[in-house]
Amino acid sequence: MELSTGRGPEGLSGRTVMVTGASSGIGAAAARLFAAQGANVVLMARREDRLRELAADIGAAGGTAVPVPGDVTESADVERAVATAVDAFGSLDAAFNNAGWGMMGTPLHQLAEDAYDRIMDVNVRGVWNCLRHQIPVLLSQGTGGAIVNTCSTAGQFATGAVAPYVAAKHAVLGLTRAAAAEYGDQGIRVNALMAGSTRTELIEGALREIPGLEEAAVARAVQKRLADPEEVARVAVWLCGPESSFMTGAAVPVDGGCSAV
């Protein structure tokens, strides 16, 4: 039986995957995992030095990665990253739209307008920009493909992050489900990765600034700990691969059991 996944039996080997937010944390871990499976990886993030260092590390390990510095809130930057995938490797087969930004500890009524704008721009507009440039390429190729959007447990319930972040991640889940419904019959799968508290650069910074935050962050989790970025990244890689071929429009929890209680 031929599966409409945009991939053959070799899995991700030889396929091209775009990863945003690739300069650190979950994005960087995912990029390494994609490359280890034989994928060509297009790395996108704002910090060019981090991207070039990661691309060099992947190359030294025998993988293939191309850095494309850019900001997901800028449509032209995303368009350039997608074009780089096609120009460098001949196709775009999967994407992990992982870039995000948030805050903790500020009540809704005290949050500045510029913080609200940045949270909504990076998390919602960023995913929107990625989808609207990635999907036309996947459609034009006629072979389907897979897209994973990093959401959060905040996409399902209030987590202690600031209110606009919770709203933004609800929006990401909505975009994911809408895209899955619109393009599923053309072989494009779109799923959301509902990540729990993870030791990313952003979280580590917050932990240093807010006393007692780590205990609060893991209080709801069954496993009572923060995730390592690679633990979350493994699920993103799986969702981009053929093993998850009958999954689309799903909100996949990788949260240590937060959503179970």
Protein backbone atom coordinates (compact mmCIF):
# COMPACT_ATOMS: atom_id res chain seq x y z
CA MET A 1 0.00 0.00 0.00
CA GLU A 2 1.34 3.43 -0.96
CA LEU A 3 1.22 5.85 1.96
CA SER A 4 0.69 9.54 1.28
CA THR A 5 3.50 10.79 3.51
CA GLY A 6 5.87 12.37 1.02
CA ARG A 7 8.50 9.79 2.00
CA GLY A 8 9.58 6.41 0.88
CA PRO A 9 10.66 3.42 2.98
CA GLU A 10 14.02 5.03 3.66
CA GLY A 11 12.37 7.40 6.12
CA LEU A 12 14.04 10.80 6.40
CA SER A 13 17.25 9.85 4.61
CA GLY A 14 17.85 12.21 1.71
CA ARG A 15 14.83 14.35 2.58
CA THR A 16 15.01 18.06 3.30
CA VAL A 17 13.76 19.44 6.60
CA MET A 18 13.50 23.08 7.66
CA VAL A 19 13.91 23.85 11.38
CA THR A 20 13.17 27.26 12.89
CA GLY A 21 14.40 28.34 16.29
CA ALA A 22 17.39 26.15 15.48
CA SER A 23 20.06 28.11 17.34
CA SER A 24 19.47 26.43 20.71
CA GLY A 25 17.26 24.18 22.79
CA ILE A 26 14.65 21.96 21.15
CA GLY A 27 15.36 23.31 17.67
CA ALA A 28 19.09 22.62 17.81
CA ALA A 29 18.49 19.16 19.28
CA ALA A 30 16.00 18.37 16.53
CA ALA A 31 18.39 19.57 13.82
CA ARG A 32 21.06 17.18 15.07
CA LEU A 33 18.57 14.30 15.16
CA PHE A 34 17.24 15.00 11.67
CA ALA A 35 20.79 15.11 10.32
CA ALA A 36 21.68 11.87 12.12
CA GLN A 37 18.81 10.22 10.25
CA GLY A 38 20.26 11.35 6.94
CA ALA A 39 18.09 14.41 6.31
CA ASN A 40 19.36 17.63 4.76
CA VAL A 41 18.61 20.30 7.35
CA VAL A 42 17.92 23.98 6.72
CA LEU A 43 18.59 25.86 9.95
CA MET A 44 16.77 29.12 10.62
CA ALA A 45 17.13 31.46 13.61
CA ARG A 46 18.19 35.04 14.26
CA ARG A 47 21.64 34.30 15.70
CA GLU A 48 23.90 33.65 12.75
CA ASP A 49 26.93 32.67 14.82
CA ARG A 50 24.98 29.94 16.62
CA LEU A 51 23.58 28.61 13.35
CA ARG A 52 26.98 28.44 11.69
CA GLU A 53 28.44 26.67 14.69
CA LEU A 54 25.61 24.12 14.66
CA ALA A 55 25.93 23.56 10.92
CA ALA A 56 29.65 22.96 11.35
CA ASP A 57 29.04 20.48 14.17
CA ILE A 58 26.48 18.60 12.07
CA GLY A 59 28.89 18.53 9.14
CA ALA A 60 31.71 17.23 11.33
CA ALA A 61 29.42 14.41 12.44
CA GLY A 62 28.76 13.43 8.82
CA GLY A 63 25.47 15.27 8.35
CA THR A 64 24.35 18.06 6.06
CA ALA A 65 23.02 21.40 7.25
CA VAL A 66 22.73 24.88 5.77
CA PRO A 67 22.33 27.94 8.03
CA VAL A 68 19.86 30.62 6.95
CA PRO A 69 19.86 33.49 9.48
CA GLY A 70 16.48 35.17 9.73
CA ASP A 71 13.50 36.17 11.82
CA VAL A 72 10.27 34.18 11.51
CA THR A 73 8.26 37.36 12.07
CA GLU A 74 9.60 38.63 8.73
CA SER A 75 7.84 37.02 5.79
CA ALA A 76 10.77 37.64 3.44
CA ASP A 77 13.17 35.85 5.79
CA VAL A 78 10.98 32.77 5.93
CA GLU A 79 10.50 32.84 2.16
CA ARG A 80 14.28 32.94 1.76
CA ALA A 81 14.77 29.92 4.03
CA VAL A 82 12.19 27.90 2.10
CA ALA A 83 13.81 28.92 -1.20
CA THR A 84 17.21 27.87 0.16
CA ALA A 85 15.87 24.39 0.85
CA VAL A 86 14.68 24.03 -2.73
CA ASP A 87 17.74 25.63 -4.29
CA ALA A 88 20.26 23.69 -2.22
CA PHE A 89 18.59 20.29 -2.08
CA GLY A 90 15.85 20.27 -4.72
CA SER A 91 12.87 19.98 -2.38
CA LEU A 92 11.31 20.71 0.97
CA ASP A 93 9.84 17.56 2.52
CA ALA A 94 9.20 18.46 6.15
CA ALA A 95 9.35 21.39 8.54
CA PHE A 96 9.64 21.83 12.27
CA ASN A 97 8.31 25.31 13.06
CA ASN A 98 9.78 25.62 16.50
CA ALA A 99 10.69 29.30 16.99
CA GLY A 100 8.95 30.87 19.95
CA TRP A 101 9.28 33.43 22.70
CA GLY A 102 7.55 33.99 26.02
CA MET A 103 7.69 35.38 29.55
CA MET A 104 6.69 34.36 33.03
CA GLY A 105 5.86 36.15 36.25
CA THR A 106 4.08 39.27 34.97
CA PRO A 107 0.33 39.62 35.60
CA LEU A 108 -1.84 40.36 32.56
CA HIS A 109 -2.68 43.93 33.63
CA GLN A 110 1.00 44.81 34.13
CA LEU A 111 2.34 43.46 30.84
CA ALA A 112 3.64 46.10 28.45
CA GLU A 113 2.20 46.43 24.97
CA ASP A 114 5.54 45.76 23.31
CA ALA A 115 5.86 42.47 25.19
CA TYR A 116 2.38 41.48 24.02
CA ASP A 117 3.30 42.38 20.45
CA ARG A 118 6.52 40.39 20.49
CA ILE A 119 4.88 37.31 22.01
CA MET A 120 2.09 37.29 19.44
CA ASP A 121 4.42 38.10 16.54
CA VAL A 122 6.97 35.39 17.22
CA ASN A 123 4.58 32.64 18.26
CA VAL A 124 1.59 33.26 15.98
CA ARG A 125 2.78 35.35 13.05
CA GLY A 126 5.96 33.28 12.97
CA VAL A 127 4.06 30.02 12.51
CA TRP A 128 1.68 31.70 10.06
CA ASN A 129 4.62 32.93 7.96
CA CYS A 130 6.17 29.49 7.94
CA LEU A 131 2.97 27.71 6.92
CA ARG A 132 2.12 30.11 4.13
CA HIS A 133 5.56 29.77 2.54
CA GLN A 134 6.11 26.06 3.18
CA ILE A 135 2.72 24.77 2.05
CA PRO A 136 2.86 26.13 -1.53
CA VAL A 137 6.16 24.32 -2.07
CA LEU A 138 4.79 21.06 -0.68
CA LEU A 139 1.73 21.43 -2.92
CA SER A 140 3.80 22.18 -6.01
CA GLN A 141 5.94 19.10 -5.48
CA GLY A 142 2.88 16.87 -5.37
CA THR A 143 4.48 14.42 -2.95
CA GLY A 144 2.95 15.59 0.32
CA GLY A 145 5.01 16.23 3.40
CA ALA A 146 4.87 16.80 7.13
CA ILE A 147 4.86 19.94 9.25
CA VAL A 148 5.21 20.08 13.03
CA ASN A 149 4.45 23.28 14.94
CA THR A 150 5.82 23.67 18.44
CA CYS A 151 2.90 24.49 20.66
CA SER A 152 2.98 24.05 24.43
CA THR A 153 0.87 22.78 27.24
CA ALA A 154 -0.08 26.47 27.33
CA GLY A 155 -2.04 25.73 24.17
CA GLN A 156 -4.46 23.71 26.28
CA PHE A 157 -4.49 25.32 29.73
CA ALA A 158 -2.98 28.21 31.69
CA THR A 159 0.52 27.23 32.75
CA GLY A 160 1.90 30.19 34.68
CA ALA A 161 3.34 31.79 31.55
CA VAL A 162 2.05 35.28 30.79
CA ALA A 163 -1.49 35.45 29.43
CA PRO A 164 -0.58 36.46 25.85
CA TYR A 165 1.73 33.44 25.61
CA VAL A 166 -1.13 31.16 26.63
CA ALA A 167 -3.35 32.85 24.04
CA ALA A 168 -0.64 32.61 21.37
CA LYS A 169 -0.14 28.90 21.88
CA HIS A 170 -3.89 28.32 21.68
CA ALA A 171 -3.69 30.12 18.34
CA VAL A 172 -0.83 27.90 17.17
CA LEU A 173 -2.95 24.84 17.89
CA GLY A 174 -5.81 26.42 15.93
CA LEU A 175 -3.56 27.14 12.95
CA THR A 176 -2.27 23.58 13.09
CA ARG A 177 -5.72 22.01 13.04
CA ALA A 178 -6.98 24.34 10.32
CA ALA A 179 -3.99 23.59 8.09
CA ALA A 180 -4.34 19.86 8.72
CA ALA A 181 -7.98 19.98 7.68
CA GLU A 182 -7.34 22.08 4.58
CA TYR A 183 -4.41 20.14 3.13
CA GLY A 184 -4.78 16.59 4.44
CA ASP A 185 -6.34 15.29 1.24
CA GLN A 186 -3.25 16.50 -0.63
CA GLY A 187 -0.87 14.46 1.46
CA ILE A 188 0.29 17.20 3.82
CA ARG A 189 0.20 16.32 7.49
CA VAL A 190 0.31 19.08 10.14
CA ASN A 191 0.64 18.30 13.84
CA ALA A 192 1.30 20.25 17.03
CA LEU A 193 3.96 19.33 19.56
CA MET A 194 2.58 20.19 23.00
CA ALA A 195 5.82 20.61 24.90
CA GLY A 196 5.92 20.80 28.66
CA SER A 197 8.53 22.63 30.72
CA THR A 198 11.90 22.02 29.07
CA ARG A 199 15.46 23.09 29.92
CA THR A 200 15.75 25.55 27.07
CA GLU A 201 17.80 28.73 27.12
CA LEU A 202 14.64 30.75 27.78
CA ILE A 203 13.55 28.60 30.71
CA GLU A 204 17.03 28.47 32.22
CA GLY A 205 17.10 32.26 32.23
CA ALA A 206 13.73 32.44 33.94
CA LEU A 207 14.81 29.88 36.54
CA ARG A 208 17.75 32.09 37.50
CA GLU A 209 15.54 35.15 37.86
CA ILE A 210 12.44 33.76 39.58
CA PRO A 211 12.94 31.93 42.91
CA GLY A 212 10.92 28.73 43.23
CA LEU A 213 10.04 28.66 39.54
CA GLU A 214 11.39 25.17 38.87
CA GLU A 215 9.27 23.64 41.63
CA ALA A 216 6.21 25.43 40.27
CA ALA A 217 6.99 24.42 36.70
CA VAL A 218 7.10 20.71 37.52
CA ALA A 219 4.34 20.66 40.14
CA ARG A 220 1.69 19.48 37.70
CA ALA A 221 3.92 17.00 35.86
CA VAL A 222 3.61 13.35 36.83
CA GLN A 223 7.37 12.89 36.36
CA LYS A 224 8.20 15.95 38.51
CA ARG A 225 11.08 17.16 36.37
CA LEU A 226 11.93 19.36 33.40
CA ALA A 227 12.49 17.74 30.02
CA ASP A 228 15.82 17.69 28.25
CA PRO A 229 15.45 19.37 24.83
CA GLU A 230 16.34 16.15 23.03
CA GLU A 231 13.45 14.32 24.68
CA VAL A 232 11.03 16.74 23.05
CA ALA A 233 12.96 16.88 19.77
CA ARG A 234 12.73 13.11 19.30
CA VAL A 235 8.95 13.37 19.06
CA ALA A 236 9.17 16.20 16.51
CA VAL A 237 11.45 14.04 14.35
CA TRP A 238 9.05 11.11 14.65
CA LEU A 239 6.10 13.30 13.64
CA CYS A 240 8.01 14.40 10.52
CA GLY A 241 8.78 10.81 9.55
CA PRO A 242 6.80 7.99 7.92
CA GLU A 243 6.18 6.16 11.21
CA SER A 244 3.50 8.75 12.06
CA SER A 245 1.85 8.56 8.63
CA PHE A 246 -1.74 8.30 9.97
CA MET A 247 -1.45 11.31 12.26
CA THR A 248 -2.55 14.81 11.34
CA GLY A 249 -4.24 17.63 13.22
CA ALA A 250 -3.03 16.05 16.45
CA ALA A 251 -1.95 17.82 19.64
CA VAL A 252 0.82 15.51 20.84
CA PRO A 253 1.78 15.99 24.51
CA VAL A 254 5.44 15.70 25.47
CA ASP A 255 4.96 17.04 28.96
CA GLY A 256 5.95 14.52 31.60
CA GLY A 257 2.30 13.80 32.31
CA CYS A 258 1.00 17.38 32.81
CA SER A 259 -1.98 16.77 30.58
CA ALA A 260 -2.84 13.50 32.33
CA VAL A 261 -3.97 15.14 35.57
